[in-house]
Amino acid sequence: MESQLKHRWSIGHNYLAGITTGDWWRLLRQNRFAVSPTYWHRAAFITLTSLVNSWNWRKERRRYGNAIDNAQIRKPPLFILGHWRSGTTLLHNLFAQDTSQFSFANTYQVVNPRTFLTTEEVITRRFAWLVPPTRPMDNMTLSFQSPQEDEFAPLLMTLCSPYLGISFPNRFDHYSQYLTFRDAPKSETEHWKEAFVWFCKKLSLNKQTALLLKSPAHTARIPLLLEMFPEARFVHIHRNPYSVFQSQRHFFDTAIWYTYLQKPSLATIDDGILSRYRTMYDAFFEDVKLIPEENYCEIRFDELERDPVNVMQGIYDQLSLSGFDAFHPTLTSYVKSLTGYQKNYYQPLDEKSRQRVAGTWTRNFQEWGYPI
């Protein structure tokens, strides 16, 4: 088993490096300090960074606490929804080019939610070399300034996220409740909502633009998002389920290895992928009707990939977003910069896996018109 543990000695690409000491010890207590000896060095590194984070958090709270509490989120946010590996990052990056209309959380901010106002400028300048130019699971560009999913921020402040079930796979079932929050204790749900709004207020300091927010897990949380932001707009992107399954397999065989604190059971990876997708979309299909029609748009990944400029124009038109004509040159230039991007290539799925995907995700094939 030891020989199968990829990136065993790596301490990079680990979102828990942004946690504070109190929350880190609370997380360890939740998991009875059951870090695998194989990953003790990661736990030691997180412990050291947590001490620095706590010191900076106290300083930032004194300096900016009142300003954050009094900050106003002046415009309804736009949420990008869709399962992991469905094209949410491409869509996020395209929207993020419209800086006159949107602001977004970047990589540094989401993994340092309590301290980024104090530390971002210095750390991102001095340690930019620590961030590889592309993500570990694909060839998408990566930097401290890249638009990033916001899931990590409330996770680090509340310890309520399904992602923690990947870091601590022995308690995967416990953390799964935070995908939809339907079965989570009300106190934890409210705590998560408060932390999320607080993070959004912090991102909104001295800004007049709408927040652009993306987390695949939000796809299963529509009622919570509408409770916090009743006028929010939503764009949902979907992709051929077979491609999503293959890409998720690759994701778990690349990026996820950097986050483990317990030895994973590789035999259960496929089961987890299938069950999360099913849980997510059972909630989504039930709740998407809660979104006012004028605030919702749905697109296909293959169409966005083939003609991003026209698909983006269609989204702006459908959601009555202004300023597309002014945005068009910037968007076109960015799309041209993506020329030559190399997608991951996968061997065709074996028949047994195809049958499992088709049988478990039948509704998604049917709802979106993908051939089984």
Protein backbone atom coordinates (compact mmCIF):
# COMPACT_ATOMS: atom_id res chain seq x y z
CA MET A 1 0.00 0.00 0.00
CA GLU A 2 2.80 2.42 0.85
CA SER A 3 4.09 2.28 -2.72
CA GLN A 4 0.63 3.29 -3.98
CA LEU A 5 0.47 6.50 -1.94
CA LYS A 6 1.15 9.19 -4.51
CA HIS A 7 2.72 12.48 -3.42
CA ARG A 8 3.08 11.04 0.05
CA TRP A 9 5.71 13.54 1.15
CA SER A 10 4.13 16.60 -0.42
CA ILE A 11 2.84 19.38 1.81
CA GLY A 12 1.65 21.54 -1.08
CA HIS A 13 -1.86 21.87 -2.56
CA ASN A 14 -3.40 21.40 0.90
CA TYR A 15 -6.20 23.81 1.72
CA LEU A 16 -5.89 23.11 5.46
CA ALA A 17 -2.72 25.19 5.51
CA GLY A 18 -5.04 28.19 5.91
CA ILE A 19 -6.75 27.00 9.09
CA THR A 20 -6.31 28.67 12.50
CA THR A 21 -5.05 26.77 15.54
CA GLY A 22 -8.36 26.58 17.38
CA ASP A 23 -10.20 25.23 14.35
CA TRP A 24 -7.37 22.82 13.57
CA TRP A 25 -7.48 21.28 17.04
CA ARG A 26 -11.26 21.11 16.85
CA LEU A 27 -10.98 19.25 13.55
CA LEU A 28 -8.44 16.84 15.01
CA ARG A 29 -10.68 16.20 18.01
CA GLN A 30 -13.61 15.50 15.69
CA ASN A 31 -11.49 12.80 14.09
CA ARG A 32 -9.99 11.55 17.38
CA PHE A 33 -6.54 12.69 16.21
CA ALA A 34 -6.54 9.71 13.83
CA VAL A 35 -4.03 11.04 11.30
CA SER A 36 -2.26 8.14 9.60
CA PRO A 37 1.45 7.96 10.53
CA THR A 38 2.10 8.13 6.80
CA TYR A 39 0.83 11.73 6.88
CA TRP A 40 2.12 12.95 10.24
CA HIS A 41 4.45 15.36 8.45
CA ARG A 42 1.42 17.01 6.81
CA ALA A 43 -0.28 17.37 10.17
CA ALA A 44 2.89 18.91 11.60
CA PHE A 45 3.06 21.40 8.74
CA ILE A 46 -0.61 22.35 9.19
CA THR A 47 -0.01 22.81 12.91
CA LEU A 48 2.85 25.23 12.26
CA THR A 49 0.93 27.25 9.69
CA SER A 50 -2.11 27.35 11.98
CA LEU A 51 -0.08 29.17 14.62
CA VAL A 52 0.92 31.84 12.11
CA ASN A 53 -2.66 32.06 10.83
CA SER A 54 -4.00 32.57 14.35
CA TRP A 55 -1.56 35.39 15.01
CA ASN A 56 -2.49 37.10 11.73
CA TRP A 57 -6.19 36.52 12.41
CA ARG A 58 -6.00 38.39 15.71
CA LYS A 59 -4.22 41.26 14.00
CA GLU A 60 -6.70 41.35 11.12
CA ARG A 61 -9.70 41.21 13.43
CA ARG A 62 -8.45 44.26 15.32
CA ARG A 63 -7.75 46.16 12.13
CA TYR A 64 -10.71 45.26 9.94
CA GLY A 65 -13.33 43.61 12.16
CA ASN A 66 -15.75 46.55 12.31
CA ALA A 67 -15.35 47.34 8.62
CA ILE A 68 -16.21 43.77 7.64
CA ASP A 69 -19.20 43.62 9.97
CA ASN A 70 -20.54 46.85 8.46
CA ALA A 71 -19.74 46.01 4.83
CA GLN A 72 -22.62 45.94 2.35
CA ILE A 73 -23.16 43.37 -0.40
CA ARG A 74 -24.63 45.90 -2.77
CA LYS A 75 -25.58 43.69 -5.71
CA PRO A 76 -27.02 40.17 -5.94
CA PRO A 77 -24.25 37.62 -6.58
CA LEU A 78 -24.06 35.29 -9.53
CA PHE A 79 -23.60 31.61 -8.65
CA ILE A 80 -22.05 29.10 -11.04
CA LEU A 81 -23.50 25.64 -10.45
CA GLY A 82 -22.49 22.25 -11.80
CA HIS A 83 -20.87 19.02 -10.72
CA TRP A 84 -17.11 18.80 -10.38
CA ARG A 85 -15.39 18.36 -13.76
CA SER A 86 -18.40 19.67 -15.67
CA GLY A 87 -16.79 22.88 -16.94
CA THR A 88 -17.46 25.14 -13.96
CA THR A 89 -13.86 26.40 -13.92
CA LEU A 90 -13.91 27.38 -17.59
CA LEU A 91 -17.22 29.20 -17.10
CA HIS A 92 -15.90 30.86 -13.93
CA ASN A 93 -12.79 32.09 -15.73
CA LEU A 94 -14.82 33.47 -18.63
CA PHE A 95 -17.12 35.46 -16.33
CA ALA A 96 -14.13 36.67 -14.29
CA GLN A 97 -12.82 38.59 -17.31
CA ASP A 98 -15.74 41.02 -16.88
CA THR A 99 -14.07 42.98 -14.10
CA SER A 100 -16.34 46.00 -14.59
CA GLN A 101 -19.31 43.90 -13.47
CA PHE A 102 -17.94 41.11 -11.26
CA SER A 103 -15.42 40.52 -8.50
CA PHE A 104 -14.39 37.07 -7.34
CA ALA A 105 -12.52 35.19 -4.65
CA ASN A 106 -9.05 34.11 -5.71
CA THR A 107 -6.96 31.10 -4.73
CA TYR A 108 -5.18 32.85 -1.89
CA GLN A 109 -8.33 34.34 -0.40
CA VAL A 110 -10.37 31.14 -0.24
CA VAL A 111 -7.66 29.23 1.65
CA ASN A 112 -6.85 32.17 3.92
CA PRO A 113 -10.35 33.49 4.60
CA ARG A 114 -9.58 35.00 7.99
CA THR A 115 -6.29 36.67 7.11
CA PHE A 116 -6.12 37.65 3.46
CA LEU A 117 -6.63 41.39 4.02
CA THR A 118 -3.49 41.43 6.16
CA THR A 119 -1.30 38.87 4.42
CA GLU A 120 -2.24 38.59 0.76
CA GLU A 121 -0.08 41.33 -0.73
CA VAL A 122 3.14 40.20 0.95
CA ILE A 123 2.66 36.45 0.74
CA THR A 124 1.53 36.34 -2.88
CA ARG A 125 4.47 38.51 -3.94
CA ARG A 126 7.16 36.63 -2.02
CA PHE A 127 5.89 33.09 -2.48
CA ALA A 128 4.32 33.07 -5.94
CA TRP A 129 6.92 30.47 -6.93
CA LEU A 130 5.24 27.96 -4.61
CA VAL A 131 2.18 27.76 -6.87
CA PRO A 132 2.64 25.58 -9.98
CA PRO A 133 1.55 27.15 -13.28
CA THR A 134 -1.23 24.59 -13.83
CA ARG A 135 -3.58 22.57 -11.66
CA PRO A 136 -2.50 19.02 -10.74
CA MET A 137 -5.50 17.36 -12.41
CA ASP A 138 -5.51 19.26 -15.72
CA ASN A 139 -3.79 22.03 -17.69
CA MET A 140 -5.90 24.92 -16.41
CA THR A 141 -3.71 27.83 -15.32
CA LEU A 142 -3.23 28.39 -11.60
CA SER A 143 -1.87 31.21 -9.47
CA PHE A 144 -2.66 32.96 -6.20
CA GLN A 145 -4.76 35.41 -8.24
CA SER A 146 -6.77 32.80 -10.19
CA PRO A 147 -10.54 32.72 -9.64
CA GLN A 148 -11.18 29.91 -7.18
CA GLU A 149 -14.15 28.06 -5.74
CA ASP A 150 -15.36 29.52 -2.47
CA GLU A 151 -16.08 26.20 -0.73
CA PHE A 152 -12.78 26.30 1.11
CA ALA A 153 -13.50 29.56 2.93
CA PRO A 154 -16.54 28.53 5.02
CA LEU A 155 -14.99 25.06 5.37
CA LEU A 156 -11.99 26.51 7.19
CA MET A 157 -14.18 28.62 9.45
CA THR A 158 -16.93 26.09 10.26
CA LEU A 159 -15.54 22.60 9.46
CA CYS A 160 -18.78 21.92 7.58
CA SER A 161 -17.95 20.60 4.12
CA PRO A 162 -17.98 17.28 2.26
CA TYR A 163 -14.35 18.01 1.31
CA LEU A 164 -13.29 17.11 4.84
CA GLY A 165 -14.52 13.58 4.17
CA ILE A 166 -11.79 13.33 1.55
CA SER A 167 -9.05 14.52 3.90
CA PHE A 168 -10.44 12.19 6.59
CA PRO A 169 -11.91 9.28 4.60
CA ASN A 170 -12.60 7.26 7.76
CA ARG A 171 -15.42 9.75 8.47
CA PHE A 172 -16.56 10.25 4.91
CA ASP A 173 -20.18 9.51 5.80
CA HIS A 174 -20.20 12.14 8.57
CA TYR A 175 -18.96 14.95 6.35
CA SER A 176 -21.26 13.95 3.47
CA GLN A 177 -24.19 15.59 5.28
CA TYR A 178 -22.70 18.99 4.42
CA LEU A 179 -23.18 18.54 0.69
CA THR A 180 -26.88 19.39 0.90
CA PHE A 181 -27.13 20.33 4.63
CA ARG A 182 -30.59 18.73 4.60
CA ASP A 183 -29.74 16.40 7.48
CA ALA A 184 -27.20 18.63 9.22
CA PRO A 185 -28.01 20.11 12.64
CA LYS A 186 -29.70 23.49 12.32
CA SER A 187 -27.02 25.14 14.46
CA GLU A 188 -24.29 23.98 12.07
CA THR A 189 -26.29 25.09 9.05
CA GLU A 190 -26.74 28.57 10.51
CA HIS A 191 -23.06 28.71 11.45
CA TRP A 192 -22.10 27.87 7.87
CA LYS A 193 -24.46 30.50 6.46
CA GLU A 194 -23.10 33.17 8.81
CA ALA A 195 -19.52 32.32 7.84
CA PHE A 196 -20.37 32.37 4.14
CA VAL A 197 -22.08 35.76 4.34
CA TRP A 198 -19.20 37.11 6.41
CA PHE A 199 -16.71 35.96 3.75
CA CYS A 200 -18.84 37.56 1.02
CA LYS A 201 -18.96 40.82 2.98
CA LYS A 202 -15.20 40.72 3.32
CA LEU A 203 -14.82 40.22 -0.43
CA SER A 204 -17.20 43.16 -0.97
CA LEU A 205 -15.24 45.72 1.05
CA ASN A 206 -15.09 48.98 -0.92
CA LYS A 207 -16.45 47.29 -4.06
CA GLN A 208 -19.52 48.11 -6.11
CA THR A 209 -19.42 45.02 -8.34
CA ALA A 210 -21.46 41.83 -7.97
CA LEU A 211 -19.76 38.78 -6.50
CA LEU A 212 -19.06 35.89 -8.85
CA LEU A 213 -19.25 32.72 -6.75
CA LYS A 214 -18.49 29.15 -7.76
CA SER A 215 -18.55 25.92 -5.82
CA PRO A 216 -19.80 22.66 -7.29
CA ALA A 217 -21.23 21.78 -3.87
CA HIS A 218 -23.57 24.78 -4.14
CA THR A 219 -25.45 22.82 -6.80
CA ALA A 220 -27.05 20.88 -3.94
CA ARG A 221 -27.72 23.93 -1.73
CA ILE A 222 -30.11 26.10 -3.70
CA PRO A 223 -32.53 26.73 -0.77
CA LEU A 224 -29.67 27.91 1.47
CA LEU A 225 -28.29 30.20 -1.22
CA LEU A 226 -31.72 31.75 -1.79
CA GLU A 227 -32.20 32.28 1.94
CA MET A 228 -29.00 34.34 1.99
CA PHE A 229 -29.38 35.98 -1.43
CA PRO A 230 -33.02 35.92 -2.65
CA GLU A 231 -32.22 37.91 -5.81
CA ALA A 232 -29.12 35.94 -6.80
CA ARG A 233 -28.64 34.77 -10.37
CA PHE A 234 -27.61 31.21 -11.24
CA VAL A 235 -25.91 29.58 -14.22
CA HIS A 236 -25.87 25.78 -14.25
CA ILE A 237 -23.50 23.92 -16.57
CA HIS A 238 -23.75 20.21 -17.30
CA ARG A 239 -21.61 17.75 -19.22
CA ASN A 240 -21.94 14.23 -20.60
CA PRO A 241 -22.11 12.06 -17.46
CA TYR A 242 -19.66 9.50 -18.85
CA SER A 243 -17.06 12.26 -19.31
CA VAL A 244 -17.73 13.57 -15.80
CA PHE A 245 -17.19 10.11 -14.32
CA GLN A 246 -13.90 9.60 -16.15
CA SER A 247 -12.67 13.07 -15.23
CA GLN A 248 -13.61 12.54 -11.58
CA ARG A 249 -11.64 9.30 -11.54
CA HIS A 250 -8.63 11.20 -12.87
CA PHE A 251 -9.17 13.96 -10.31
CA PHE A 252 -9.04 11.47 -7.44
CA ASP A 253 -5.91 9.91 -8.93
CA THR A 254 -4.11 13.26 -9.14
CA ALA A 255 -5.15 16.30 -7.09
CA ILE A 256 -6.79 14.50 -4.18
CA TRP A 257 -3.56 12.74 -3.17
CA TYR A 258 -2.26 16.05 -1.84
CA THR A 259 -5.05 16.39 0.72
CA TYR A 260 -5.23 13.03 2.47
CA LEU A 261 -4.54 12.86 6.19
CA GLN A 262 -5.70 9.25 6.43
CA LYS A 263 -4.91 6.39 4.07
CA PRO A 264 -7.71 6.15 1.50
CA SER A 265 -9.57 3.02 0.48
CA LEU A 266 -9.02 3.07 -3.26
CA ALA A 267 -11.67 0.40 -3.81
CA THR A 268 -14.40 2.83 -2.73
CA ILE A 269 -13.48 5.76 -5.01
CA ASP A 270 -15.98 4.86 -7.75
CA ASP A 271 -18.75 4.31 -5.22
CA GLY A 272 -18.12 7.76 -3.75
CA ILE A 273 -18.19 9.44 -7.16
CA LEU A 274 -21.46 7.76 -8.08
CA SER A 275 -23.19 8.45 -4.78
CA ARG A 276 -22.13 12.13 -4.53
CA TYR A 277 -23.36 12.85 -8.04
CA ARG A 278 -26.69 11.15 -7.32
CA THR A 279 -27.14 12.99 -4.01
CA MET A 280 -26.24 16.32 -5.58
CA TYR A 281 -28.68 16.04 -8.45
CA ASP A 282 -31.52 14.57 -6.43
CA ALA A 283 -31.37 17.82 -4.45
CA PHE A 284 -30.81 19.99 -7.51
CA PHE A 285 -33.74 18.66 -9.53
CA GLU A 286 -36.02 19.07 -6.54
CA ASP A 287 -34.91 22.60 -5.69
CA VAL A 288 -34.01 24.30 -8.98
CA LYS A 289 -37.67 25.29 -9.45
CA LEU A 290 -37.29 27.60 -6.45
CA ILE A 291 -35.15 29.95 -8.55
CA PRO A 292 -37.18 32.61 -10.40
CA GLU A 293 -37.09 31.84 -14.11
CA GLU A 294 -35.55 35.20 -14.99
CA ASN A 295 -32.61 34.50 -12.65
CA TYR A 296 -31.68 31.07 -13.99
CA CYS A 297 -29.78 29.88 -17.04
CA GLU A 298 -28.59 26.40 -18.01
CA ILE A 299 -25.89 25.57 -20.58
CA ARG A 300 -24.02 22.56 -21.94
CA PHE A 301 -20.27 22.21 -21.57
CA ASP A 302 -19.77 20.97 -25.12
CA GLU A 303 -21.48 24.08 -26.51
CA LEU A 304 -19.47 26.41 -24.24
CA GLU A 305 -16.26 24.70 -25.29
CA ARG A 306 -17.14 24.94 -28.97
CA ASP A 307 -18.35 28.56 -29.05
CA PRO A 308 -17.64 30.33 -25.74
CA VAL A 309 -18.28 33.88 -26.91
CA ASN A 310 -21.76 33.24 -28.30
CA VAL A 311 -22.75 31.06 -25.34
CA MET A 312 -21.65 33.79 -22.95
CA GLN A 313 -23.68 36.34 -24.90
CA GLY A 314 -26.69 34.06 -24.58
CA ILE A 315 -26.22 33.90 -20.81
CA TYR A 316 -25.99 37.69 -20.55
CA ASP A 317 -29.16 38.04 -22.62
CA GLN A 318 -31.12 35.43 -20.68
CA LEU A 319 -30.15 36.85 -17.27
CA SER A 320 -30.53 40.47 -18.44
CA LEU A 321 -26.90 41.22 -17.58
CA SER A 322 -25.79 44.55 -19.00
CA GLY A 323 -22.51 45.49 -20.62
CA PHE A 324 -21.83 42.57 -22.94
CA ASP A 325 -20.90 44.81 -25.88
CA ALA A 326 -18.22 46.51 -23.78
CA PHE A 327 -17.09 43.15 -22.43
CA HIS A 328 -16.92 41.48 -25.85
CA PRO A 329 -13.36 42.56 -26.85
CA THR A 330 -11.91 41.43 -23.51
CA LEU A 331 -13.77 38.13 -23.69
CA THR A 332 -12.69 37.50 -27.27
CA SER A 333 -9.07 38.21 -26.41
CA TYR A 334 -9.19 35.82 -23.46
CA VAL A 335 -10.76 33.08 -25.58
CA LYS A 336 -7.98 33.48 -28.14
CA SER A 337 -5.41 33.06 -25.37
CA LEU A 338 -6.84 29.58 -24.71
CA THR A 339 -5.96 28.40 -28.22
CA GLY A 340 -3.82 25.30 -28.02
CA TYR A 341 -5.09 24.22 -24.60
CA GLN A 342 -4.58 20.47 -24.22
CA LYS A 343 -7.47 18.60 -22.60
CA ASN A 344 -6.94 15.38 -20.71
CA TYR A 345 -7.44 12.27 -22.81
CA TYR A 346 -9.07 9.16 -21.37
CA GLN A 347 -9.39 5.63 -22.65
CA PRO A 348 -13.00 4.57 -23.30
CA LEU A 349 -14.84 3.38 -20.21
CA ASP A 350 -15.03 -0.36 -19.72
CA GLU A 351 -18.49 -1.84 -20.16
CA LYS A 352 -19.04 -2.55 -16.46
CA SER A 353 -18.31 1.07 -15.52
CA ARG A 354 -20.54 2.36 -18.33
CA GLN A 355 -23.39 0.27 -17.05
CA ARG A 356 -22.91 1.52 -13.49
CA VAL A 357 -22.86 5.15 -14.61
CA ALA A 358 -25.86 4.71 -16.90
CA GLY A 359 -27.83 2.88 -14.22
CA THR A 360 -27.04 5.27 -11.37
CA TRP A 361 -27.27 8.54 -13.31
CA THR A 362 -30.14 7.63 -15.67
CA ARG A 363 -32.13 10.75 -14.84
CA ASN A 364 -29.28 13.05 -15.84
CA PHE A 365 -28.88 11.39 -19.24
CA GLN A 366 -32.60 11.77 -19.81
CA GLU A 367 -33.03 15.32 -18.47
CA TRP A 368 -30.20 16.70 -20.61
CA GLY A 369 -30.49 14.51 -23.69
CA TYR A 370 -27.17 12.68 -23.54
CA PRO A 371 -27.19 9.26 -25.22
CA ILE A 372 -26.86 6.31 -22.84
